[in-house]
Amino acid sequence: PTDVPARPPCVLCFNASDPSGAGGLSADLLAMASASCHVLPVTTSVWLRDSRHLHGHHALDAEWIDDQARTVLEDVSVAAVKVGFAGSAHAVAAIGAILSDYDELPVVTYLPELAWWTDAEREAYLEACEELLLPQTDVLVGNHHTLARWLLPDWEDDRPPGPRDIARAAAVHGVSYTLVTGAVRDDGIDNHLASPELVLAHVRFERIDATFIGAGDTLSAALTALLAHGSELGEAGAEALRYLDQTLVNGFQPGMGHAVPDRLFWADDDDEPDERDPAEKP
């Protein structure tokens, strides 16, 4: 109908359902809504998690994940895709097949920390990511330690790998760019968006005396949303990092465990961001 206003960009998100609201689809929905995107959430697994610990998860069958995504893709025009935690190696294969069929869409993949998983499950998942997901990925997002341990397991240099080192390792699997967070420096935390040849964006955070959950999902969701709007990658990376920084500065502690980014900090009535320690906020 001609009287229907222009719609916001639609973003397809593969991620877990997190009842704590810290990460997974909860983070995707809030961060992307903050960037004026409509989220198409595809549930891959169900976390059993509170603000302190991940106690377990139930992975959905790959067929259910495939059906969710393809049903929406046949109906809605999608501007970008974010892949978070897929739940299982079989689900990674299903998602990779979908992305191959819709290879014109920009894809952002976030790799969370998987140390809680068994060695066999983690290795199978990462192997599937290398073979089936990374070749479809435009930007890989992850913590410096997590990505370096995965992509550069035999690193022997005395210095830690830099963002371009990690980008070169990701490029072997077909990834064009990496957004590496959490590189600790004496005066702060460095975050880089890089290709094997150059750094497109660099944003430094001041250290915050709190441990957060959901930061990686927040950043990758914000980046995907900005790309869905058609932003240039370097500009989108810098803006997504600045957004993450403010969500952390204004973070809060919802329970008895870790802090959570405030993805709706901009909706606060206060004119100035709250500079208090997130662990001290109500």
C-alpha atoms as a PDB file:
ATOM      1  CA  PRO A   1       0.000   0.000   0.000  1.00  0.00           C
ATOM      2  CA  THR A   2       1.236   3.484  -0.830  1.00  0.00           C
ATOM      3  CA  ASP A   3       0.385   4.869   2.624  1.00  0.00           C
ATOM      4  CA  VAL A   4       2.689   2.420   4.447  1.00  0.00           C
ATOM      5  CA  PRO A   5       5.853   4.229   5.659  1.00  0.00           C
ATOM      6  CA  ALA A   6       9.296   3.013   4.640  1.00  0.00           C
ATOM      7  CA  ARG A   7      10.322   0.131   6.825  1.00  0.00           C
ATOM      8  CA  PRO A   8      13.555  -0.051   8.845  1.00  0.00           C
ATOM      9  CA  PRO A   9      16.230  -2.484   7.614  1.00  0.00           C
ATOM     10  CA  CYS A  10      15.525  -6.070   8.593  1.00  0.00           C
ATOM     11  CA  VAL A  11      18.357  -8.125  10.107  1.00  0.00           C
ATOM     12  CA  LEU A  12      18.363 -11.913  10.439  1.00  0.00           C
ATOM     13  CA  CYS A  13      19.957 -13.062  13.710  1.00  0.00           C
ATOM     14  CA  PHE A  14      21.008 -16.594  14.611  1.00  0.00           C
ATOM     15  CA  ASN A  15      21.617 -16.823  18.354  1.00  0.00           C
ATOM     16  CA  ALA A  16      20.716 -18.439  21.660  1.00  0.00           C
ATOM     17  CA  SER A  17      17.809 -17.532  23.905  1.00  0.00           C
ATOM     18  CA  ASP A  18      19.297 -16.167  27.137  1.00  0.00           C
ATOM     19  CA  PRO A  19      16.889 -15.897  30.106  1.00  0.00           C
ATOM     20  CA  SER A  20      19.277 -13.576  31.957  1.00  0.00           C
ATOM     21  CA  GLY A  21      18.898 -10.990  29.176  1.00  0.00           C
ATOM     22  CA  ALA A  22      22.659 -10.494  29.144  1.00  0.00           C
ATOM     23  CA  GLY A  23      23.507 -11.877  25.722  1.00  0.00           C
ATOM     24  CA  GLY A  24      22.155 -13.929  22.859  1.00  0.00           C
ATOM     25  CA  LEU A  25      19.004 -12.769  21.122  1.00  0.00           C
ATOM     26  CA  SER A  26      18.188 -10.371  23.977  1.00  0.00           C
ATOM     27  CA  ALA A  27      21.357  -8.408  23.243  1.00  0.00           C
ATOM     28  CA  ASP A  28      20.729  -8.540  19.498  1.00  0.00           C
ATOM     29  CA  LEU A  29      17.195  -7.213  19.811  1.00  0.00           C
ATOM     30  CA  LEU A  30      18.068  -4.264  22.042  1.00  0.00           C
ATOM     31  CA  ALA A  31      21.269  -3.233  20.265  1.00  0.00           C
ATOM     32  CA  MET A  32      19.717  -3.434  16.808  1.00  0.00           C
ATOM     33  CA  ALA A  33      16.560  -1.643  17.935  1.00  0.00           C
ATOM     34  CA  SER A  34      18.854   1.130  19.185  1.00  0.00           C
ATOM     35  CA  ALA A  35      20.120   1.430  15.604  1.00  0.00           C
ATOM     36  CA  SER A  36      16.565   1.474  14.193  1.00  0.00           C
ATOM     37  CA  CYS A  37      16.571  -2.026  12.733  1.00  0.00           C
ATOM     38  CA  HIS A  38      13.866  -4.685  12.751  1.00  0.00           C
ATOM     39  CA  VAL A  39      15.235  -7.974  14.084  1.00  0.00           C
ATOM     40  CA  LEU A  40      14.293 -11.376  12.692  1.00  0.00           C
ATOM     41  CA  PRO A  41      15.399 -13.655  15.570  1.00  0.00           C
ATOM     42  CA  VAL A  42      16.196 -17.295  14.821  1.00  0.00           C
ATOM     43  CA  THR A  43      16.617 -19.307  18.023  1.00  0.00           C
ATOM     44  CA  THR A  44      19.490 -21.795  17.846  1.00  0.00           C
ATOM     45  CA  SER A  45      19.578 -22.986  21.444  1.00  0.00           C
ATOM     46  CA  VAL A  46      18.280 -22.197  24.907  1.00  0.00           C
ATOM     47  CA  TRP A  47      20.739 -21.137  27.591  1.00  0.00           C
ATOM     48  CA  LEU A  48      20.356 -22.076  31.221  1.00  0.00           C
ATOM     49  CA  ARG A  49      22.126 -19.045  32.627  1.00  0.00           C
ATOM     50  CA  ASP A  50      21.928 -16.426  35.345  1.00  0.00           C
ATOM     51  CA  SER A  51      24.107 -13.348  35.761  1.00  0.00           C
ATOM     52  CA  ARG A  52      26.858 -15.416  37.407  1.00  0.00           C
ATOM     53  CA  HIS A  53      27.216 -18.655  35.464  1.00  0.00           C
ATOM     54  CA  LEU A  54      26.243 -20.562  32.359  1.00  0.00           C
ATOM     55  CA  HIS A  55      24.744 -23.741  33.780  1.00  0.00           C
ATOM     56  CA  GLY A  56      23.888 -25.491  30.516  1.00  0.00           C
ATOM     57  CA  HIS A  57      22.144 -25.216  27.186  1.00  0.00           C
ATOM     58  CA  HIS A  58      19.774 -27.118  24.953  1.00  0.00           C
ATOM     59  CA  ALA A  59      20.627 -26.987  21.258  1.00  0.00           C
ATOM     60  CA  LEU A  60      17.749 -27.002  18.788  1.00  0.00           C
ATOM     61  CA  ASP A  61      17.752 -29.466  15.909  1.00  0.00           C
ATOM     62  CA  ALA A  62      19.469 -28.094  12.813  1.00  0.00           C
ATOM     63  CA  GLU A  63      16.249 -28.708  10.848  1.00  0.00           C
ATOM     64  CA  TRP A  64      14.316 -26.397  13.165  1.00  0.00           C
ATOM     65  CA  ILE A  65      16.932 -23.677  12.743  1.00  0.00           C
ATOM     66  CA  ASP A  66      16.879 -24.090   8.962  1.00  0.00           C
ATOM     67  CA  ASP A  67      13.066 -23.945   8.856  1.00  0.00           C
ATOM     68  CA  GLN A  68      12.913 -20.807  11.019  1.00  0.00           C
ATOM     69  CA  ALA A  69      15.366 -18.924   8.839  1.00  0.00           C
ATOM     70  CA  ARG A  70      14.118 -20.002   5.424  1.00  0.00           C
ATOM     71  CA  THR A  71      10.500 -19.289   6.323  1.00  0.00           C
ATOM     72  CA  VAL A  72      11.421 -15.688   7.114  1.00  0.00           C
ATOM     73  CA  LEU A  73      13.829 -15.289   4.187  1.00  0.00           C
ATOM     74  CA  GLU A  74      11.119 -16.336   1.728  1.00  0.00           C
ATOM     75  CA  ASP A  75       8.846 -13.604   3.096  1.00  0.00           C
ATOM     76  CA  VAL A  76      11.031 -10.666   4.161  1.00  0.00           C
ATOM     77  CA  SER A  77      13.740  -8.662   2.418  1.00  0.00           C
ATOM     78  CA  VAL A  78      16.814  -8.974   4.634  1.00  0.00           C
ATOM     79  CA  ALA A  79      19.591  -6.356   4.695  1.00  0.00           C
ATOM     80  CA  ALA A  80      22.226  -8.184   6.776  1.00  0.00           C
ATOM     81  CA  VAL A  81      22.829 -11.305   8.877  1.00  0.00           C
ATOM     82  CA  LYS A  82      24.387 -11.802  12.284  1.00  0.00           C
ATOM     83  CA  VAL A  83      25.495 -15.241  13.472  1.00  0.00           C
ATOM     84  CA  GLY A  84      26.042 -15.621  17.203  1.00  0.00           C
ATOM     85  CA  PHE A  85      26.120 -18.933  19.064  1.00  0.00           C
ATOM     86  CA  ALA A  86      24.751 -21.618  16.735  1.00  0.00           C
ATOM     87  CA  GLY A  87      24.352 -24.301  19.397  1.00  0.00           C
ATOM     88  CA  SER A  88      26.024 -27.233  17.639  1.00  0.00           C
ATOM     89  CA  ALA A  89      28.272 -28.194  14.753  1.00  0.00           C
ATOM     90  CA  HIS A  90      25.221 -29.507  12.869  1.00  0.00           C
ATOM     91  CA  ALA A  91      23.556 -26.113  13.251  1.00  0.00           C
ATOM     92  CA  VAL A  92      26.679 -24.388  11.931  1.00  0.00           C
ATOM     93  CA  ALA A  93      26.419 -26.553   8.816  1.00  0.00           C
ATOM     94  CA  ALA A  94      22.761 -25.609   8.341  1.00  0.00           C
ATOM     95  CA  ILE A  95      23.490 -21.899   8.794  1.00  0.00           C
ATOM     96  CA  GLY A  96      26.430 -22.097   6.404  1.00  0.00           C
ATOM     97  CA  ALA A  97      24.166 -23.620   3.736  1.00  0.00           C
ATOM     98  CA  ILE A  98      21.624 -20.819   4.193  1.00  0.00           C
ATOM     99  CA  LEU A  99      24.300 -18.138   3.905  1.00  0.00           C
ATOM    100  CA  SER A 100      25.622 -19.780   0.760  1.00  0.00           C
ATOM    101  CA  ASP A 101      22.155 -19.536  -0.782  1.00  0.00           C
ATOM    102  CA  TYR A 102      21.929 -15.830   0.151  1.00  0.00           C
ATOM    103  CA  ASP A 103      25.541 -14.887  -0.499  1.00  0.00           C
ATOM    104  CA  GLU A 104      24.714 -11.303  -1.459  1.00  0.00           C
ATOM    105  CA  LEU A 105      23.994 -10.407   2.187  1.00  0.00           C
ATOM    106  CA  PRO A 106      26.675  -8.976   4.511  1.00  0.00           C
ATOM    107  CA  VAL A 107      27.396 -11.441   7.320  1.00  0.00           C
ATOM    108  CA  VAL A 108      28.840 -10.659  10.754  1.00  0.00           C
ATOM    109  CA  THR A 109      29.865 -13.660  12.853  1.00  0.00           C
ATOM    110  CA  TYR A 110      30.564 -13.415  16.579  1.00  0.00           C
ATOM    111  CA  LEU A 111      32.558 -16.129  18.318  1.00  0.00           C
ATOM    112  CA  PRO A 112      31.799 -16.223  22.061  1.00  0.00           C
ATOM    113  CA  GLU A 113      34.045 -17.783  24.662  1.00  0.00           C
ATOM    114  CA  LEU A 114      33.433 -21.546  24.614  1.00  0.00           C
ATOM    115  CA  ALA A 115      35.641 -22.672  27.499  1.00  0.00           C
ATOM    116  CA  TRP A 116      32.561 -23.969  29.352  1.00  0.00           C
ATOM    117  CA  TRP A 117      31.995 -26.666  26.691  1.00  0.00           C
ATOM    118  CA  THR A 118      33.643 -30.082  26.574  1.00  0.00           C
ATOM    119  CA  ASP A 119      36.786 -30.326  24.455  1.00  0.00           C
ATOM    120  CA  ALA A 120      35.092 -32.595  21.921  1.00  0.00           C
ATOM    121  CA  GLU A 121      32.036 -30.350  21.509  1.00  0.00           C
ATOM    122  CA  ARG A 122      34.157 -27.206  21.240  1.00  0.00           C
ATOM    123  CA  GLU A 123      36.551 -28.724  18.694  1.00  0.00           C
ATOM    124  CA  ALA A 124      33.701 -30.018  16.518  1.00  0.00           C
ATOM    125  CA  TYR A 125      31.995 -26.619  16.643  1.00  0.00           C
ATOM    126  CA  LEU A 126      35.131 -24.660  15.740  1.00  0.00           C
ATOM    127  CA  GLU A 127      36.021 -27.069  12.947  1.00  0.00           C
ATOM    128  CA  ALA A 128      32.545 -26.605  11.467  1.00  0.00           C
ATOM    129  CA  CYS A 129      32.932 -22.832  11.768  1.00  0.00           C
ATOM    130  CA  GLU A 130      36.255 -22.931   9.929  1.00  0.00           C
ATOM    131  CA  GLU A 131      34.941 -25.062   7.088  1.00  0.00           C
ATOM    132  CA  LEU A 132      31.343 -23.904   6.684  1.00  0.00           C
ATOM    133  CA  LEU A 133      30.765 -20.546   8.370  1.00  0.00           C
ATOM    134  CA  LEU A 134      33.901 -18.449   8.027  1.00  0.00           C
ATOM    135  CA  PRO A 135      33.943 -18.713   4.207  1.00  0.00           C
ATOM    136  CA  GLN A 136      30.529 -16.968   4.290  1.00  0.00           C
ATOM    137  CA  THR A 137      31.604 -14.347   6.849  1.00  0.00           C
ATOM    138  CA  ASP A 138      32.475 -10.756   5.980  1.00  0.00           C
ATOM    139  CA  VAL A 139      33.425  -9.616   9.501  1.00  0.00           C
ATOM    140  CA  LEU A 140      34.484 -11.920  12.343  1.00  0.00           C
ATOM    141  CA  VAL A 141      34.045 -10.410  15.826  1.00  0.00           C
ATOM    142  CA  GLY A 142      35.613 -11.725  18.997  1.00  0.00           C
ATOM    143  CA  ASN A 143      37.790 -11.131  22.026  1.00  0.00           C
ATOM    144  CA  HIS A 144      41.536 -10.939  21.321  1.00  0.00           C
ATOM    145  CA  HIS A 145      42.359 -13.919  23.544  1.00  0.00           C
ATOM    146  CA  THR A 146      39.520 -16.073  22.160  1.00  0.00           C
ATOM    147  CA  LEU A 147      40.321 -15.411  18.500  1.00  0.00           C
ATOM    148  CA  ALA A 148      44.099 -15.714  18.935  1.00  0.00           C
ATOM    149  CA  ARG A 149      43.784 -19.030  20.769  1.00  0.00           C
ATOM    150  CA  TRP A 150      41.511 -20.385  18.031  1.00  0.00           C
ATOM    151  CA  LEU A 151      43.113 -19.019  14.866  1.00  0.00           C
ATOM    152  CA  LEU A 152      46.757 -18.912  15.978  1.00  0.00           C
ATOM    153  CA  PRO A 153      47.188 -21.912  18.298  1.00  0.00           C
ATOM    154  CA  ASP A 154      50.868 -22.319  17.396  1.00  0.00           C
ATOM    155  CA  TRP A 155      51.876 -18.675  17.905  1.00  0.00           C
ATOM    156  CA  GLU A 156      55.431 -18.643  19.265  1.00  0.00           C
ATOM    157  CA  ASP A 157      56.471 -15.006  19.037  1.00  0.00           C
ATOM    158  CA  ASP A 158      57.284 -13.287  22.342  1.00  0.00           C
ATOM    159  CA  ARG A 159      54.879 -10.488  21.493  1.00  0.00           C
ATOM    160  CA  PRO A 160      51.119 -11.237  21.446  1.00  0.00           C
ATOM    161  CA  PRO A 161      49.519 -11.383  17.990  1.00  0.00           C
ATOM    162  CA  GLY A 162      48.289  -8.036  16.718  1.00  0.00           C
ATOM    163  CA  PRO A 163      44.953  -7.323  15.011  1.00  0.00           C
ATOM    164  CA  ARG A 164      46.428  -7.774  11.535  1.00  0.00           C
ATOM    165  CA  ASP A 165      47.993 -11.094  12.575  1.00  0.00           C
ATOM    166  CA  ILE A 166      44.568 -12.331  13.616  1.00  0.00           C
ATOM    167  CA  ALA A 167      43.025 -10.882  10.449  1.00  0.00           C
ATOM    168  CA  ARG A 168      45.568 -12.772   8.334  1.00  0.00           C
ATOM    169  CA  ALA A 169      44.737 -16.017  10.149  1.00  0.00           C
ATOM    170  CA  ALA A 170      41.006 -15.436   9.618  1.00  0.00           C
ATOM    171  CA  ALA A 171      41.583 -14.603   5.956  1.00  0.00           C
ATOM    172  CA  VAL A 172      42.959 -18.119   5.418  1.00  0.00           C
ATOM    173  CA  HIS A 173      39.382 -19.314   6.025  1.00  0.00           C
ATOM    174  CA  GLY A 174      37.808 -16.674   3.774  1.00  0.00           C
ATOM    175  CA  VAL A 175      37.073 -13.857   6.245  1.00  0.00           C
ATOM    176  CA  SER A 176      37.660 -10.364   4.863  1.00  0.00           C
ATOM    177  CA  TYR A 177      37.825  -8.417   8.151  1.00  0.00           C
ATOM    178  CA  THR A 178      38.082  -9.031  11.888  1.00  0.00           C
ATOM    179  CA  LEU A 179      36.906  -6.865  14.760  1.00  0.00           C
ATOM    180  CA  VAL A 180      39.168  -7.777  17.679  1.00  0.00           C
ATOM    181  CA  THR A 181      38.288  -6.520  21.146  1.00  0.00           C
ATOM    182  CA  GLY A 182      39.828  -6.582  24.583  1.00  0.00           C
ATOM    183  CA  ALA A 183      43.550  -6.215  23.880  1.00  0.00           C
ATOM    184  CA  VAL A 184      44.791  -5.008  27.270  1.00  0.00           C
ATOM    185  CA  ARG A 185      47.281  -2.135  27.259  1.00  0.00           C
ATOM    186  CA  ASP A 186      48.745  -0.216  30.198  1.00  0.00           C
ATOM    187  CA  ASP A 187      46.433   2.751  29.696  1.00  0.00           C
ATOM    188  CA  GLY A 188      43.286   1.016  28.484  1.00  0.00           C
ATOM    189  CA  ILE A 189      41.644  -1.592  26.287  1.00  0.00           C
ATOM    190  CA  ASP A 190      42.361  -1.544  22.545  1.00  0.00           C
ATOM    191  CA  ASN A 191      39.835  -2.617  19.927  1.00  0.00           C
ATOM    192  CA  HIS A 192      40.652  -2.897  16.210  1.00  0.00           C
ATOM    193  CA  LEU A 193      38.746  -3.508  13.005  1.00  0.00           C
ATOM    194  CA  ALA A 194      41.347  -4.807  10.568  1.00  0.00           C
ATOM    195  CA  SER A 195      42.041  -6.608   7.326  1.00  0.00           C
ATOM    196  CA  PRO A 196      45.339  -8.406   6.693  1.00  0.00           C
ATOM    197  CA  GLU A 197      46.611  -5.209   5.068  1.00  0.00           C
ATOM    198  CA  LEU A 198      45.374  -2.361   7.265  1.00  0.00           C
ATOM    199  CA  VAL A 199      43.482  -1.235  10.364  1.00  0.00           C
ATOM    200  CA  LEU A 200      40.161   0.360   9.415  1.00  0.00           C
ATOM    201  CA  ALA A 201      39.135   1.492  12.884  1.00  0.00           C
ATOM    202  CA  HIS A 202      40.769   1.711  16.307  1.00  0.00           C
ATOM    203  CA  VAL A 203      38.920   2.719  19.474  1.00  0.00           C
ATOM    204  CA  ARG A 204      40.429   2.603  22.955  1.00  0.00           C
ATOM    205  CA  PHE A 205      38.307   2.111  26.086  1.00  0.00           C
ATOM    206  CA  GLU A 206      39.153   3.180  29.593  1.00  0.00           C
ATOM    207  CA  ARG A 207      39.157   0.255  31.982  1.00  0.00           C
ATOM    208  CA  ILE A 208      35.973  -0.288  33.981  1.00  0.00           C
ATOM    209  CA  ASP A 209      36.146  -2.052  37.317  1.00  0.00           C
ATOM    210  CA  ALA A 210      33.488  -4.630  36.475  1.00  0.00           C
ATOM    211  CA  THR A 211      33.157  -7.930  34.608  1.00  0.00           C
ATOM    212  CA  PHE A 212      30.540  -7.854  31.844  1.00  0.00           C
ATOM    213  CA  ILE A 213      28.571 -10.508  30.043  1.00  0.00           C
ATOM    214  CA  GLY A 214      26.937  -9.774  26.707  1.00  0.00           C
ATOM    215  CA  ALA A 215      29.477  -7.246  25.437  1.00  0.00           C
ATOM    216  CA  GLY A 216      30.483  -9.254  22.361  1.00  0.00           C
ATOM    217  CA  ASP A 217      26.908  -9.873  21.283  1.00  0.00           C
ATOM    218  CA  THR A 218      26.173  -6.176  21.788  1.00  0.00           C
ATOM    219  CA  LEU A 219      29.084  -5.051  19.614  1.00  0.00           C
ATOM    220  CA  SER A 220      28.483  -7.531  16.806  1.00  0.00           C
ATOM    221  CA  ALA A 221      24.761  -6.717  16.757  1.00  0.00           C
ATOM    222  CA  ALA A 222      25.442  -2.983  16.548  1.00  0.00           C
ATOM    223  CA  LEU A 223      27.930  -3.490  13.720  1.00  0.00           C
ATOM    224  CA  THR A 224      25.479  -5.665  11.773  1.00  0.00           C
ATOM    225  CA  ALA A 225      22.722  -3.087  12.201  1.00  0.00           C
ATOM    226  CA  LEU A 226      24.913  -0.277  10.907  1.00  0.00           C
ATOM    227  CA  LEU A 227      25.922  -2.342   7.884  1.00  0.00           C
ATOM    228  CA  ALA A 228      22.237  -3.035   7.261  1.00  0.00           C
ATOM    229  CA  HIS A 229      21.746   0.727   7.014  1.00  0.00           C
ATOM    230  CA  GLY A 230      24.453   0.854   4.344  1.00  0.00           C
ATOM    231  CA  SER A 231      27.231   2.405   6.440  1.00  0.00           C
ATOM    232  CA  GLU A 232      30.802   2.086   5.193  1.00  0.00           C
ATOM    233  CA  LEU A 233      32.628  -0.634   7.130  1.00  0.00           C
ATOM    234  CA  GLY A 234      35.307   1.486   8.792  1.00  0.00           C
ATOM    235  CA  GLU A 235      32.752   4.063   9.904  1.00  0.00           C
ATOM    236  CA  ALA A 236      30.367   1.322  11.087  1.00  0.00           C
ATOM    237  CA  GLY A 237      33.122  -0.380  13.082  1.00  0.00           C
ATOM    238  CA  ALA A 238      34.143   2.817  14.857  1.00  0.00           C
ATOM    239  CA  GLU A 239      30.541   3.769  15.598  1.00  0.00           C
ATOM    240  CA  ALA A 240      29.709   0.285  16.895  1.00  0.00           C
ATOM    241  CA  LEU A 241      32.726   0.406  19.221  1.00  0.00           C
ATOM    242  CA  ARG A 242      31.738   3.836  20.525  1.00  0.00           C
ATOM    243  CA  TYR A 243      28.215   2.542  21.131  1.00  0.00           C
ATOM    244  CA  LEU A 244      29.594  -0.455  23.036  1.00  0.00           C
ATOM    245  CA  ASP A 245      31.773   1.823  25.155  1.00  0.00           C
ATOM    246  CA  GLN A 246      28.744   3.827  26.244  1.00  0.00           C
ATOM    247  CA  THR A 247      26.722   0.687  26.996  1.00  0.00           C
ATOM    248  CA  LEU A 248      29.535  -0.414  29.313  1.00  0.00           C
ATOM    249  CA  VAL A 249      29.996   2.984  30.946  1.00  0.00           C
ATOM    250  CA  ASN A 250      26.260   2.949  31.699  1.00  0.00           C
ATOM    251  CA  GLY A 251      26.168  -0.770  32.500  1.00  0.00           C
ATOM    252  CA  PHE A 252      24.289  -2.187  35.456  1.00  0.00           C
ATOM    253  CA  GLN A 253      24.189  -5.247  37.681  1.00  0.00           C
ATOM    254  CA  PRO A 254      20.762  -6.924  37.367  1.00  0.00           C
ATOM    255  CA  GLY A 255      21.445  -9.750  39.802  1.00  0.00           C
ATOM    256  CA  MET A 256      24.109 -11.080  42.126  1.00  0.00           C
ATOM    257  CA  GLY A 257      26.653 -11.751  39.395  1.00  0.00           C
ATOM    258  CA  HIS A 258      28.250  -9.872  36.524  1.00  0.00           C
ATOM    259  CA  ALA A 259      27.337  -6.524  34.991  1.00  0.00           C
ATOM    260  CA  VAL A 260      25.338  -6.162  31.774  1.00  0.00           C
ATOM    261  CA  PRO A 261      25.693  -3.456  29.098  1.00  0.00           C
ATOM    262  CA  ASP A 262      22.873  -0.912  29.046  1.00  0.00           C
ATOM    263  CA  ARG A 263      21.949  -0.978  25.356  1.00  0.00           C
ATOM    264  CA  LEU A 264      19.266   1.647  25.909  1.00  0.00           C
ATOM    265  CA  PHE A 265      21.500   4.139  27.734  1.00  0.00           C
ATOM    266  CA  TRP A 266      20.499   6.814  25.223  1.00  0.00           C
ATOM    267  CA  ALA A 267      16.877   6.641  26.434  1.00  0.00           C
ATOM    268  CA  ASP A 268      17.838   7.703  29.971  1.00  0.00           C
ATOM    269  CA  ASP A 269      16.331  10.985  31.113  1.00  0.00           C
ATOM    270  CA  ASP A 270      19.696  12.208  32.372  1.00  0.00           C
ATOM    271  CA  ASP A 271      21.586  14.529  30.044  1.00  0.00           C
ATOM    272  CA  GLU A 272      24.972  13.097  30.951  1.00  0.00           C
ATOM    273  CA  PRO A 273      26.046   9.421  30.976  1.00  0.00           C
ATOM    274  CA  ASP A 274      26.307   7.811  34.377  1.00  0.00           C
ATOM    275  CA  GLU A 275      30.016   7.431  35.201  1.00  0.00           C
ATOM    276  CA  ARG A 276      29.564   5.244  38.262  1.00  0.00           C
ATOM    277  CA  ASP A 277      30.998   1.776  38.548  1.00  0.00           C
ATOM    278  CA  PRO A 278      28.395  -0.516  36.882  1.00  0.00           C
ATOM    279  CA  ALA A 279      28.561  -2.860  39.856  1.00  0.00           C
ATOM    280  CA  GLU A 280      27.312  -0.021  42.077  1.00  0.00           C
ATOM    281  CA  LYS A 281      24.276   0.894  39.990  1.00  0.00           C
ATOM    282  CA  PRO A 282      20.867  -0.286  41.175  1.00  0.00           C
END
